[in-house]
Amino acid sequence: MNRAISPGWVTVLIVIATLGSAGAAQVTLFPAADTSLWQRQPANNLGGMPFLPAGTTGDDGPFTRSRLLIRFDVAATLPANAVIDSASIYFRVVRAPDPAKGNNNSEFNAHRVLKPWGEGTKSFTDPQVPMTSTQPATAGETTWLHRFHGASASAWTPPGGDFTDDDFAEAASFAFFALAGADRDYTADLNETGLQDVRDWLADPGSNHGWVLRSLSENFGFTARQFASREYADNPAHRPQLTIVYSLPQPVPPQIQSINRNGNQLTIRFSAQAGVVYRPQRRAAVHSGAWTDLPAVGPLATAGTLSFVDDVTGQSERYYRVVTP
């Protein structure tokens, strides 16, 4: 929008422009927290393990289950007004059951976790037998039995949690099919449920308790996989990754509300959207010269009016525009 006026003896041309782009952007997040619920040692914590189990064992009698918890800090990385277009998640299997004993293919599903949990820091004490030398949890750490060890009110119901929209959401957020064997990469696209999880976590970070990954063949043995965790040091590129494609809404061009001069101070007021930072600029000639930035204004919590002020001492004319990043 262009508008020319003469407030006193200064001719002003106002150009309201939006130079920002609504093109897609992409960001990759590494986990903020991860651990596993480990039925084999139900009071132990695995929060510091370099690899985390999900699936079932099959040796030494009846098999036991494990479920992997993982959380990404979406709100700390994306702009608050980002529009989530698509997302995918990556896992690396670094260990799998001994093929001589059994090694079953399995589909793995992830479900939204509905309650908070404590990652913990415990790992193994014997690198030769890491999964049988895990450490007992201390206060506040997640186990197969509790979201926070030592707090009876934080028990998973039943142990290991349920999938009836109590501990974990019933609907799956993404899935992938894991073949037998280790040293395999898996990437899964988030379905609409998973995308809504990410959108919710961006809008309300306090609701972000991540996902739980489980085998859909928990009634069969030897489906366990050990996935590289955020502590995995052998190759950091194998740590879990959440890749999000998003766009930013194109700002609506603002409208001039008023232009007032008080002595040598010129004040320009214009309509503004919520969540948008505006950059006023000026120059002395209408068709030439570099634009000079004035202090940015905004963002507003809700749509309203913003203003900027410029000193026009000694100026017979000046040209302004307001742009968005």
Protein backbone atom coordinates (compact mmCIF):
# COMPACT_ATOMS: atom_id res chain seq x y z
CA MET A 1 0.00 0.00 0.00
CA ASN A 2 1.40 3.44 -0.93
CA ARG A 3 0.38 6.67 0.68
CA ALA A 4 1.87 10.17 0.23
CA ILE A 5 1.16 12.95 2.71
CA SER A 6 2.67 16.23 3.89
CA PRO A 7 2.67 16.28 7.72
CA GLY A 8 3.85 19.86 8.24
CA TRP A 9 6.59 20.41 5.66
CA VAL A 10 7.85 16.87 5.23
CA THR A 11 6.50 14.86 2.32
CA VAL A 12 6.30 11.19 3.24
CA LEU A 13 5.67 8.19 0.97
CA ILE A 14 4.70 5.07 2.87
CA VAL A 15 5.19 1.70 1.21
CA ILE A 16 3.80 -1.25 3.16
CA ALA A 17 5.41 -4.41 1.84
CA THR A 18 5.79 -8.05 2.80
CA LEU A 19 9.09 -9.41 1.60
CA GLY A 20 9.01 -12.66 3.54
CA SER A 21 8.53 -16.04 1.92
CA ALA A 22 6.16 -18.83 2.90
CA GLY A 23 8.37 -21.49 1.32
CA ALA A 24 8.99 -24.80 3.06
CA ALA A 25 11.84 -25.25 5.52
CA GLN A 26 13.25 -28.39 7.10
CA VAL A 27 14.79 -29.09 10.48
CA THR A 28 16.18 -32.29 12.03
CA LEU A 29 15.94 -32.86 15.77
CA PHE A 30 17.85 -35.30 17.95
CA PRO A 31 16.15 -36.66 21.09
CA ALA A 32 15.87 -34.58 24.24
CA ALA A 33 15.31 -37.78 26.27
CA ASP A 34 15.07 -41.53 25.71
CA THR A 35 15.02 -44.72 27.76
CA SER A 36 13.36 -48.14 27.78
CA LEU A 37 10.87 -49.92 29.99
CA TRP A 38 12.67 -53.23 30.71
CA GLN A 39 10.46 -56.02 32.06
CA ARG A 40 13.41 -58.37 32.55
CA GLN A 41 14.73 -56.11 35.33
CA PRO A 42 11.61 -54.14 36.21
CA ALA A 43 13.14 -51.85 38.85
CA ASN A 44 16.15 -50.88 36.71
CA ASN A 45 16.62 -47.75 34.62
CA LEU A 46 18.16 -47.60 31.12
CA GLY A 47 18.27 -43.83 30.59
CA GLY A 48 22.02 -43.70 30.01
CA MET A 49 22.27 -46.72 27.71
CA PRO A 50 23.89 -46.20 24.26
CA PHE A 51 21.33 -48.61 22.79
CA LEU A 52 17.77 -49.19 23.91
CA PRO A 53 15.59 -52.30 23.55
CA ALA A 54 12.09 -52.63 22.18
CA GLY A 55 10.46 -56.00 21.56
CA THR A 56 10.62 -59.40 23.24
CA THR A 57 13.31 -61.76 24.42
CA GLY A 58 12.96 -65.52 24.10
CA ASP A 59 15.73 -67.15 26.07
CA ASP A 60 15.83 -68.41 29.66
CA GLY A 61 12.20 -69.39 29.85
CA PRO A 62 9.18 -67.15 29.08
CA PHE A 63 10.12 -64.12 27.03
CA THR A 64 10.02 -60.62 28.50
CA ARG A 65 9.01 -57.37 26.86
CA SER A 66 10.62 -53.96 26.46
CA ARG A 67 9.29 -50.65 25.17
CA LEU A 68 11.30 -47.62 24.12
CA LEU A 69 10.38 -44.09 25.23
CA ILE A 70 11.63 -41.13 23.21
CA ARG A 71 10.94 -37.39 23.26
CA PHE A 72 11.99 -34.56 20.92
CA ASP A 73 11.85 -30.91 22.00
CA VAL A 74 9.78 -29.52 19.13
CA ALA A 75 8.94 -26.13 20.64
CA ALA A 76 12.59 -25.30 21.35
CA THR A 77 13.50 -25.58 17.66
CA LEU A 78 10.57 -24.54 15.48
CA PRO A 79 9.08 -21.03 15.21
CA ALA A 80 5.92 -20.77 17.27
CA ASN A 81 3.82 -20.02 14.18
CA ALA A 82 5.26 -22.84 12.06
CA VAL A 83 2.79 -24.91 10.03
CA ILE A 84 3.80 -28.59 10.18
CA ASP A 85 3.55 -30.04 6.67
CA SER A 86 5.19 -33.46 7.07
CA ALA A 87 7.64 -35.32 9.29
CA SER A 88 9.64 -38.53 9.40
CA ILE A 89 11.63 -40.38 12.05
CA TYR A 90 14.83 -42.39 11.76
CA PHE A 91 16.11 -45.29 13.89
CA ARG A 92 19.21 -47.45 13.62
CA VAL A 93 19.15 -51.04 14.88
CA VAL A 94 22.59 -51.79 16.30
CA ARG A 95 21.84 -55.13 17.97
CA ALA A 96 19.35 -57.96 17.38
CA PRO A 97 18.74 -61.45 18.82
CA ASP A 98 21.24 -64.20 18.10
CA PRO A 99 20.05 -65.86 14.84
CA ALA A 100 21.02 -69.23 16.29
CA LYS A 101 18.36 -68.78 18.97
CA GLY A 102 15.76 -66.99 16.91
CA ASN A 103 15.32 -63.61 15.27
CA ASN A 104 11.82 -62.74 14.18
CA ASN A 105 10.67 -59.98 11.88
CA SER A 106 8.28 -57.58 13.55
CA GLU A 107 6.28 -54.46 12.90
CA PHE A 108 6.96 -51.67 15.39
CA ASN A 109 4.39 -49.02 16.21
CA ALA A 110 4.81 -45.77 18.11
CA HIS A 111 2.11 -44.25 20.31
CA ARG A 112 1.89 -40.89 22.02
CA VAL A 113 2.83 -40.94 25.71
CA LEU A 114 0.17 -39.18 27.76
CA LYS A 115 2.01 -38.80 31.07
CA PRO A 116 5.42 -37.43 32.07
CA TRP A 117 8.36 -39.71 32.81
CA GLY A 118 11.94 -39.40 34.03
CA GLU A 119 14.67 -40.42 31.57
CA GLY A 120 17.30 -41.29 34.19
CA THR A 121 21.02 -41.84 33.71
CA LYS A 122 21.61 -45.54 34.40
CA SER A 123 23.54 -47.79 32.01
CA PHE A 124 25.26 -51.19 32.14
CA THR A 125 28.17 -52.17 34.40
CA ASP A 126 29.61 -54.98 32.23
CA PRO A 127 30.13 -54.30 28.49
CA GLN A 128 30.31 -58.04 27.83
CA VAL A 129 26.73 -58.57 29.01
CA PRO A 130 25.17 -55.08 28.92
CA MET A 131 21.55 -56.19 28.96
CA THR A 132 22.00 -58.31 32.07
CA SER A 133 24.10 -55.78 33.96
CA THR A 134 21.75 -52.79 33.92
CA GLN A 135 21.54 -50.68 37.08
CA PRO A 136 18.77 -50.17 39.64
CA ALA A 137 16.86 -46.91 39.29
CA THR A 138 17.20 -44.09 41.75
CA ALA A 139 14.51 -41.59 42.69
CA GLY A 140 12.71 -39.99 39.74
CA GLU A 141 13.93 -42.40 37.05
CA THR A 142 11.67 -44.39 34.72
CA THR A 143 11.38 -48.17 35.06
CA TRP A 144 9.04 -50.90 33.86
CA LEU A 145 7.04 -50.33 37.04
CA HIS A 146 7.04 -46.55 37.48
CA ARG A 147 7.21 -43.35 35.49
CA PHE A 148 9.25 -41.94 38.40
CA HIS A 149 10.97 -44.49 40.63
CA GLY A 150 10.12 -44.01 44.29
CA ALA A 151 6.79 -42.29 43.64
CA SER A 152 4.01 -44.83 44.14
CA ALA A 153 1.47 -42.53 42.50
CA SER A 154 3.44 -42.69 39.25
CA ALA A 155 3.00 -46.42 38.60
CA TRP A 156 2.37 -47.53 35.04
CA THR A 157 -1.05 -49.18 34.94
CA PRO A 158 -0.40 -52.06 34.38
CA PRO A 159 3.43 -52.37 34.60
CA GLY A 160 4.89 -51.35 31.26
CA GLY A 161 1.90 -49.07 30.59
CA ASP A 162 -1.31 -49.56 28.66
CA PHE A 163 -2.55 -48.46 25.23
CA THR A 164 -6.11 -47.44 26.06
CA ASP A 165 -5.58 -43.66 26.11
CA ASP A 166 -4.43 -43.80 29.75
CA ASP A 167 -0.63 -44.14 29.77
CA PHE A 168 -0.28 -44.31 25.98
CA ALA A 169 -2.59 -43.26 23.15
CA GLU A 170 -4.44 -46.11 21.47
CA ALA A 171 -3.86 -44.77 17.94
CA ALA A 172 -0.40 -45.27 16.43
CA SER A 173 1.58 -42.23 15.26
CA PHE A 174 3.95 -44.05 12.91
CA ALA A 175 5.07 -47.60 12.11
CA PHE A 176 7.83 -49.54 10.37
CA PHE A 177 8.61 -53.18 9.70
CA ALA A 178 11.92 -54.42 11.12
CA LEU A 179 13.63 -57.33 9.42
CA ALA A 180 15.78 -59.82 11.26
CA GLY A 181 19.33 -58.76 12.00
CA ALA A 182 21.29 -55.74 13.18
CA ASP A 183 22.96 -52.82 11.41
CA ARG A 184 19.76 -51.77 9.70
CA ASP A 185 18.30 -48.30 9.19
CA TYR A 186 14.59 -47.58 9.40
CA THR A 187 12.79 -44.39 8.44
CA ALA A 188 9.04 -43.95 8.93
CA ASP A 189 6.74 -41.14 7.84
CA LEU A 190 4.47 -39.81 10.55
CA ASN A 191 0.81 -40.42 9.81
CA GLU A 192 -1.85 -37.79 10.48
CA THR A 193 -2.00 -38.81 14.15
CA GLY A 194 1.76 -38.35 14.47
CA LEU A 195 1.67 -35.00 12.70
CA GLN A 196 -1.02 -33.85 15.11
CA ASP A 197 1.21 -34.93 17.99
CA VAL A 198 3.97 -32.64 16.70
CA ARG A 199 1.53 -29.77 16.13
CA ASP A 200 0.18 -30.16 19.66
CA TRP A 201 3.68 -30.20 21.14
CA LEU A 202 4.55 -27.01 19.28
CA ALA A 203 1.42 -25.25 20.52
CA ASP A 204 1.59 -26.68 24.06
CA PRO A 205 5.12 -27.79 25.03
CA GLY A 206 3.91 -29.00 28.42
CA SER A 207 1.91 -31.76 26.71
CA ASN A 208 5.03 -33.21 25.06
CA HIS A 209 5.85 -36.56 26.69
CA GLY A 210 7.06 -38.12 23.45
CA TRP A 211 6.29 -41.54 21.99
CA VAL A 212 6.58 -45.15 23.10
CA LEU A 213 7.86 -47.68 20.54
CA ARG A 214 6.71 -51.28 20.86
CA SER A 215 6.70 -54.48 18.84
CA LEU A 216 3.29 -55.57 17.58
CA SER A 217 4.41 -59.17 18.11
CA GLU A 218 4.71 -59.10 21.88
CA ASN A 219 3.05 -62.53 22.03
CA PHE A 220 6.05 -64.03 20.23
CA GLY A 221 9.67 -64.31 21.30
CA PHE A 222 12.83 -62.92 19.71
CA THR A 223 11.39 -59.72 18.27
CA ALA A 224 13.69 -57.46 20.30
CA ARG A 225 15.84 -54.87 18.60
CA GLN A 226 18.33 -52.59 20.29
CA PHE A 227 18.16 -49.11 18.79
CA ALA A 228 20.93 -46.53 18.93
CA SER A 229 20.01 -43.96 21.57
CA ARG A 230 20.91 -40.31 22.00
CA GLU A 231 23.94 -41.47 23.98
CA TYR A 232 25.19 -43.69 21.13
CA ALA A 233 28.83 -42.67 20.61
CA ASP A 234 30.10 -45.10 17.95
CA ASN A 235 28.45 -43.05 15.21
CA PRO A 236 26.36 -40.02 16.27
CA ALA A 237 24.66 -40.05 12.85
CA HIS A 238 22.92 -43.27 13.94
CA ARG A 239 21.14 -41.59 16.85
CA PRO A 240 17.36 -41.20 16.43
CA GLN A 241 16.32 -38.22 14.34
CA LEU A 242 13.00 -36.47 13.78
CA THR A 243 12.92 -34.49 10.53
CA ILE A 244 10.15 -31.92 10.21
CA VAL A 245 9.14 -30.03 7.06
CA TYR A 246 7.25 -26.84 7.88
CA SER A 247 6.23 -23.52 6.41
CA LEU A 248 5.50 -20.11 7.84
CA PRO A 249 2.24 -18.30 7.12
CA GLN A 250 2.60 -15.42 4.68
CA PRO A 251 1.82 -12.22 6.61
CA VAL A 252 -1.17 -10.21 5.48
CA PRO A 253 -0.01 -6.77 4.23
CA PRO A 254 -0.60 -4.27 7.04
CA GLN A 255 -2.69 -1.14 6.61
CA ILE A 256 -1.69 2.37 7.68
CA GLN A 257 -3.76 3.56 10.62
CA SER A 258 -2.32 7.05 11.14
CA ILE A 259 0.67 9.32 10.43
CA ASN A 260 1.33 12.10 12.93
CA ARG A 261 4.10 14.64 13.45
CA ASN A 262 5.01 16.19 16.78
CA GLY A 263 7.85 18.65 16.26
CA ASN A 264 10.56 16.68 14.48
CA GLN A 265 9.16 13.28 15.54
CA LEU A 266 7.12 11.42 12.95
CA THR A 267 4.96 8.55 14.23
CA ILE A 268 3.45 6.00 11.86
CA ARG A 269 0.88 3.47 13.09
CA PHE A 270 -0.18 0.39 11.10
CA SER A 271 -2.20 -2.78 11.52
CA ALA A 272 -0.23 -5.89 12.55
CA GLN A 273 -0.80 -9.62 12.75
CA ALA A 274 -0.09 -11.69 15.84
CA GLY A 275 3.30 -13.36 16.01
CA VAL A 276 4.96 -11.28 13.25
CA VAL A 277 8.03 -9.06 13.62
CA TYR A 278 7.99 -5.96 11.36
CA ARG A 279 11.04 -4.02 10.18
CA PRO A 280 10.45 -0.35 9.31
CA GLN A 281 12.95 1.10 6.82
CA ARG A 282 13.59 4.55 5.34
CA ARG A 283 15.49 6.28 2.57
CA ALA A 284 15.73 9.81 1.18
CA ALA A 285 14.85 9.19 -2.50
CA VAL A 286 11.88 7.36 -3.88
CA HIS A 287 13.68 5.39 -6.60
CA SER A 288 17.27 5.15 -5.37
CA GLY A 289 19.42 4.73 -2.32
CA ALA A 290 19.84 2.01 0.27
CA TRP A 291 17.10 1.35 2.78
CA THR A 292 18.09 2.06 6.39
CA ASP A 293 16.62 -0.10 9.12
CA LEU A 294 14.70 1.47 11.98
CA PRO A 295 14.16 -0.56 15.19
CA ALA A 296 11.99 -3.61 14.59
CA VAL A 297 8.57 -3.75 16.23
CA GLY A 298 6.44 -6.68 17.34
CA PRO A 299 5.46 -9.39 17.65
CA LEU A 300 2.03 -8.92 19.18
CA ALA A 301 0.29 -11.68 21.14
CA THR A 302 -2.94 -10.90 19.28
CA ALA A 303 -3.63 -8.88 16.14
CA GLY A 304 -3.64 -5.12 16.72
CA THR A 305 -1.66 -1.97 15.92
CA LEU A 306 2.07 -1.26 15.95
CA SER A 307 3.94 1.99 15.44
CA PHE A 308 7.41 3.33 14.76
CA VAL A 309 8.93 6.77 15.24
CA ASP A 310 11.52 8.59 13.13
CA ASP A 311 13.36 11.91 13.55
CA VAL A 312 12.76 14.05 10.44
CA THR A 313 14.88 17.04 11.47
CA GLY A 314 16.07 18.88 8.36
CA GLN A 315 14.19 16.58 5.96
CA SER A 316 11.96 17.89 3.20
CA GLU A 317 10.90 14.42 2.12
CA ARG A 318 11.44 10.86 3.27
CA TYR A 319 10.28 7.43 2.09
CA TYR A 320 9.36 4.50 4.29
CA ARG A 321 8.46 0.87 3.97
CA VAL A 322 7.61 -1.85 6.46
CA VAL A 323 8.83 -5.35 5.66
CA THR A 324 8.52 -8.71 7.32
CA PRO A 325 11.51 -11.07 7.71
